[in-house]
Protein backbone atom coordinates (compact mmCIF):
# COMPACT_ATOMS: atom_id res chain seq x y z
CA UNK A 1 66.41 -13.16 36.34
CA UNK A 2 63.63 -15.75 34.73
CA UNK A 3 61.18 -14.05 36.85
CA UNK A 4 62.19 -10.53 35.65
CA UNK A 5 61.34 -11.88 31.87
CA UNK A 6 58.14 -12.93 33.19
CA UNK A 7 57.47 -9.77 35.07
CA UNK A 8 58.26 -8.00 31.80
CA UNK A 9 56.25 -10.30 29.69
CA UNK A 10 53.23 -9.64 32.46
CA UNK A 11 53.49 -5.95 32.04
CA UNK A 12 53.41 -5.65 28.06
CA UNK A 13 50.55 -8.18 28.08
CA UNK A 14 48.24 -5.95 30.50
CA UNK A 15 49.56 -3.06 28.36
CA UNK A 16 48.83 -4.85 25.39
CA UNK A 17 44.96 -5.93 26.85
CA UNK A 18 44.51 -2.06 28.44
CA UNK A 19 44.87 -1.00 24.79
CA UNK A 20 42.58 -3.18 23.17
CA UNK A 21 40.14 -2.68 25.93
CA UNK A 22 40.65 1.73 25.72
CA UNK A 23 37.67 3.28 25.21
CA UNK A 24 37.31 4.79 21.65
CA UNK A 25 37.62 8.71 21.67
CA UNK A 26 35.14 10.85 19.45
CA UNK A 27 37.01 14.19 19.18
CA UNK A 28 37.39 17.37 16.99
CA UNK A 29 37.14 17.21 13.55
CA UNK A 30 36.02 13.75 13.37
CA UNK A 31 33.54 12.28 10.95
CA UNK A 32 30.96 10.06 11.87
CA UNK A 33 28.85 8.14 9.13
CA UNK A 34 25.62 6.26 10.74
CA UNK A 35 23.33 3.50 8.46
CA UNK A 36 20.18 3.12 10.78
CA UNK A 37 16.73 1.27 10.23
CA UNK A 38 13.88 3.52 11.16
CA UNK A 39 10.10 3.25 12.08
CA UNK A 40 8.85 7.00 11.42
CA UNK A 41 5.51 6.76 13.79
CA UNK A 42 3.30 10.23 13.30
CA UNK A 43 1.57 11.26 16.70
CA UNK A 44 -1.02 12.97 13.99
CA UNK A 45 -3.50 15.40 15.02
CA UNK A 46 -5.91 15.91 12.61
CA UNK A 47 -8.80 18.84 11.60
CA UNK A 48 -11.86 18.17 9.79
CA UNK A 49 -12.20 17.39 6.25
CA UNK A 50 -13.42 20.37 5.08
CA UNK A 51 -16.17 22.13 3.85
CA UNK A 52 -17.87 18.57 2.85
CA UNK A 53 -17.24 16.13 5.84
CA UNK A 54 -17.29 18.24 8.69
CA UNK A 55 -16.17 16.29 11.84
CA UNK A 56 -14.79 13.37 10.11
CA UNK A 57 -10.69 12.87 10.45
CA UNK A 58 -7.94 11.22 8.76
CA UNK A 59 -5.49 8.34 10.41
CA UNK A 60 -1.50 8.39 8.79
CA UNK A 61 0.21 5.18 9.04
CA UNK A 62 3.81 4.20 10.34
CA UNK A 63 6.46 4.22 7.67
CA UNK A 64 9.88 2.01 7.84
CA UNK A 65 13.06 2.96 5.73
CA UNK A 66 16.75 3.06 5.49
CA UNK A 67 18.12 5.76 6.36
CA UNK A 68 21.88 7.91 6.20
CA UNK A 69 22.88 10.23 8.54
CA UNK A 70 26.38 12.16 9.10
CA UNK A 71 27.73 13.82 12.32
CA UNK A 72 30.77 16.31 12.05
CA UNK A 73 32.46 17.38 15.43
CA UNK A 74 33.13 20.60 15.34
CA UNK A 75 34.60 20.43 18.75
CA UNK A 76 35.37 17.34 21.01
CA UNK A 77 31.68 17.99 22.49
CA UNK A 78 29.76 19.49 19.99
CA UNK A 79 28.33 17.88 16.70
CA UNK A 80 26.34 18.53 13.64
CA UNK A 81 24.34 15.78 12.46
CA UNK A 82 22.62 15.70 8.94
CA UNK A 83 19.78 13.07 7.85
CA UNK A 84 18.55 11.75 5.01
CA UNK A 85 15.68 9.01 4.30
CA UNK A 86 12.39 8.81 2.63
CA UNK A 87 9.42 7.24 4.02
CA UNK A 88 5.74 6.26 2.54
CA UNK A 89 2.58 6.67 4.08
CA UNK A 90 -0.96 6.75 3.93
CA UNK A 91 -3.82 8.84 5.35
CA UNK A 92 -6.99 7.06 5.96
CA UNK A 93 -10.67 8.46 6.74
CA UNK A 94 -11.51 7.46 10.62
CA UNK A 95 -15.19 7.84 10.79
CA UNK A 96 -18.60 8.29 8.58
CA UNK A 97 -18.38 8.46 4.74
CA UNK A 98 -14.67 8.64 4.84
CA UNK A 99 -14.21 5.97 7.28
CA UNK A 100 -16.42 3.76 5.26
CA UNK A 101 -13.44 4.70 2.33
CA UNK A 102 -10.96 3.91 4.05
CA UNK A 103 -7.39 4.66 2.78
CA UNK A 104 -7.55 7.84 0.83
CA UNK A 105 -4.27 9.08 -0.14
CA UNK A 106 -0.43 8.44 -0.03
CA UNK A 107 2.54 9.97 -0.21
CA UNK A 108 6.27 9.38 -0.14
CA UNK A 109 7.72 12.13 2.84
CA UNK A 110 11.98 13.47 2.32
CA UNK A 111 12.45 15.33 5.74
CA UNK A 112 16.11 16.52 5.95
CA UNK A 113 16.63 17.68 9.80
CA UNK A 114 19.87 19.26 10.55
CA UNK A 115 20.07 19.05 14.38
CA UNK A 116 23.15 20.27 16.90
CA UNK A 117 24.17 17.94 19.55
CA UNK A 118 26.16 17.74 22.73
CA UNK A 119 28.09 14.50 23.46
CA UNK A 120 29.04 14.42 27.63
CA UNK A 121 31.41 11.75 27.32
CA UNK A 122 34.10 12.49 25.14
CA UNK A 123 36.35 9.11 25.63
CA UNK A 124 34.23 5.90 26.68
CA UNK A 125 32.67 3.10 25.33
CA UNK A 126 29.13 4.34 25.85
CA UNK A 127 28.90 8.18 24.71
CA UNK A 128 25.16 9.37 24.96
CA UNK A 129 24.23 12.77 23.11
CA UNK A 130 21.37 15.43 23.34
CA UNK A 131 20.18 17.11 20.32
CA UNK A 132 17.93 20.06 18.90
CA UNK A 133 17.34 21.54 15.04
CA UNK A 134 15.56 22.28 12.42
CA UNK A 135 13.29 20.21 9.66
CA UNK A 136 12.31 20.73 6.31
CA UNK A 137 9.75 18.31 4.95
CA UNK A 138 8.75 17.93 1.32
CA UNK A 139 5.43 15.68 0.39
CA UNK A 140 6.21 14.15 -2.87
CA UNK A 141 4.76 11.57 -5.34
CA UNK A 142 1.01 12.12 -3.47
CA UNK A 143 -1.45 9.99 -4.99
CA UNK A 144 -5.18 9.21 -4.53
CA UNK A 145 -6.58 5.90 -3.59
CA UNK A 146 -8.65 3.82 -6.01
CA UNK A 147 -11.21 3.30 -3.45
CA UNK A 148 -11.32 7.55 -2.91
CA UNK A 149 -12.04 8.07 -6.65
CA UNK A 150 -14.28 4.88 -7.30
CA UNK A 151 -16.16 7.05 -4.62
CA UNK A 152 -15.91 10.50 -5.68
CA UNK A 153 -14.40 10.20 -9.64
CA UNK A 154 -10.96 11.50 -10.56
CA UNK A 155 -8.68 13.39 -7.41
CA UNK A 156 -5.88 15.35 -7.69
CA UNK A 157 -3.56 15.05 -3.89
CA UNK A 158 -1.82 18.24 -2.89
CA UNK A 159 0.01 18.26 0.33
CA UNK A 160 1.64 21.32 1.72
CA UNK A 161 5.52 21.15 2.60
CA UNK A 162 6.21 21.91 6.16
CA UNK A 163 9.14 23.73 8.29
CA UNK A 164 9.54 23.02 12.00
CA UNK A 165 11.63 22.03 15.03
CA UNK A 166 13.16 18.71 15.68
CA UNK A 167 14.76 16.87 18.86
CA UNK A 168 16.82 13.92 19.64
CA UNK A 169 18.42 11.44 22.02
CA UNK A 170 20.81 8.79 21.46
CA UNK A 171 23.88 6.56 22.25
CA UNK A 172 26.72 5.63 20.17
CA UNK A 173 28.06 1.98 21.96
CA UNK A 174 31.65 0.45 20.65
CA UNK A 175 31.93 -2.63 19.04
CA UNK A 176 35.61 -1.58 17.82
CA UNK A 177 37.59 0.92 17.71
CA UNK A 178 36.04 2.63 14.22
CA UNK A 179 32.72 0.59 14.53
CA UNK A 180 29.85 1.41 16.72
CA UNK A 181 26.51 0.51 17.18
CA UNK A 182 23.76 3.25 17.78
CA UNK A 183 20.09 3.81 19.12
CA UNK A 184 18.41 7.19 18.31
CA UNK A 185 15.18 8.57 18.73
CA UNK A 186 13.79 11.79 17.31
CA UNK A 187 10.72 14.22 17.57
CA UNK A 188 10.21 16.17 14.97
CA UNK A 189 7.47 19.04 13.92
CA UNK A 190 5.69 18.33 10.84
CA UNK A 191 2.29 20.21 9.91
CA UNK A 192 0.56 20.19 6.27
CA UNK A 193 -2.25 21.34 4.27
CA UNK A 194 -3.71 18.14 2.23
CA UNK A 195 -5.93 19.45 -0.65
CA UNK A 196 -8.23 17.46 -2.38
CA UNK A 197 -9.61 18.19 -5.98
CA UNK A 198 -12.10 15.82 -6.79
CA UNK A 199 -14.79 15.47 -9.32
CA UNK A 200 -17.84 14.53 -7.89
CA UNK A 201 -17.48 16.72 -4.07
CA UNK A 202 -15.48 19.52 -5.15
CA UNK A 203 -11.97 20.97 -3.40
CA UNK A 204 -11.58 19.63 0.37
CA UNK A 205 -9.24 20.19 2.59
CA UNK A 206 -7.62 19.17 5.99
CA UNK A 207 -4.87 20.09 8.36
CA UNK A 208 -2.60 17.20 9.66
CA UNK A 209 0.05 18.02 12.34
CA UNK A 210 1.84 14.43 11.67
CA UNK A 211 4.78 14.98 14.66
CA UNK A 212 6.14 11.69 14.67
CA UNK A 213 8.99 9.92 16.65
CA UNK A 214 11.63 8.37 14.46
CA UNK A 215 13.12 5.08 16.12
CA UNK A 216 16.49 3.82 14.90
CA UNK A 217 18.60 1.40 15.31
CA UNK A 218 21.93 0.80 13.16
CA UNK A 219 25.76 0.65 12.93
CA UNK A 220 28.31 3.72 12.55
CA UNK A 221 32.05 4.22 11.31
CA UNK A 222 33.98 7.19 12.75
CA UNK A 223 36.73 8.42 9.94
């Protein structure tokens, strides 16, 4: 009898351990909310600043910001993710006259992005995914630098909004049955036309393909 009780207790203990260790399941109808810290790293390609500065191009710096995203699991394997974040970036001259000025302008960037994700592993402690979708980027609070205005007088900056595609890869790693660690990388197609309306140099234009990688690390919760 004593041995039988020991076996029952051991079996119950093993079952309890298995339940605790059982992987979480992302299933149809789940809502996954993630909070990430992101770095937006442009891989910019710039045209010339025309008509006044042919051959002179611009570079764009990285931006770091918090991000919130929500994923709705339409099926066990297909999810739709919408992200919301905004980052500030500066454009600087790289050579010649504008290179001597350095920072030319700054802007805030709001790139809401919707992706459709494929989650190959429904049940597991580690759940990778891939996704593709669309992006609409808004530029706001554009501002000329003091260095540029010292050189060419009062300047108005306008940057056109952008519509493009986006791709992503990522992974969710369980911390418990509700909370998980998230690692995510996106590539976003962003093109803009920058117009500088200056007092001394007239109107100058430059086309810039930002095309950033967005690296994110954060935590998520399953609802």
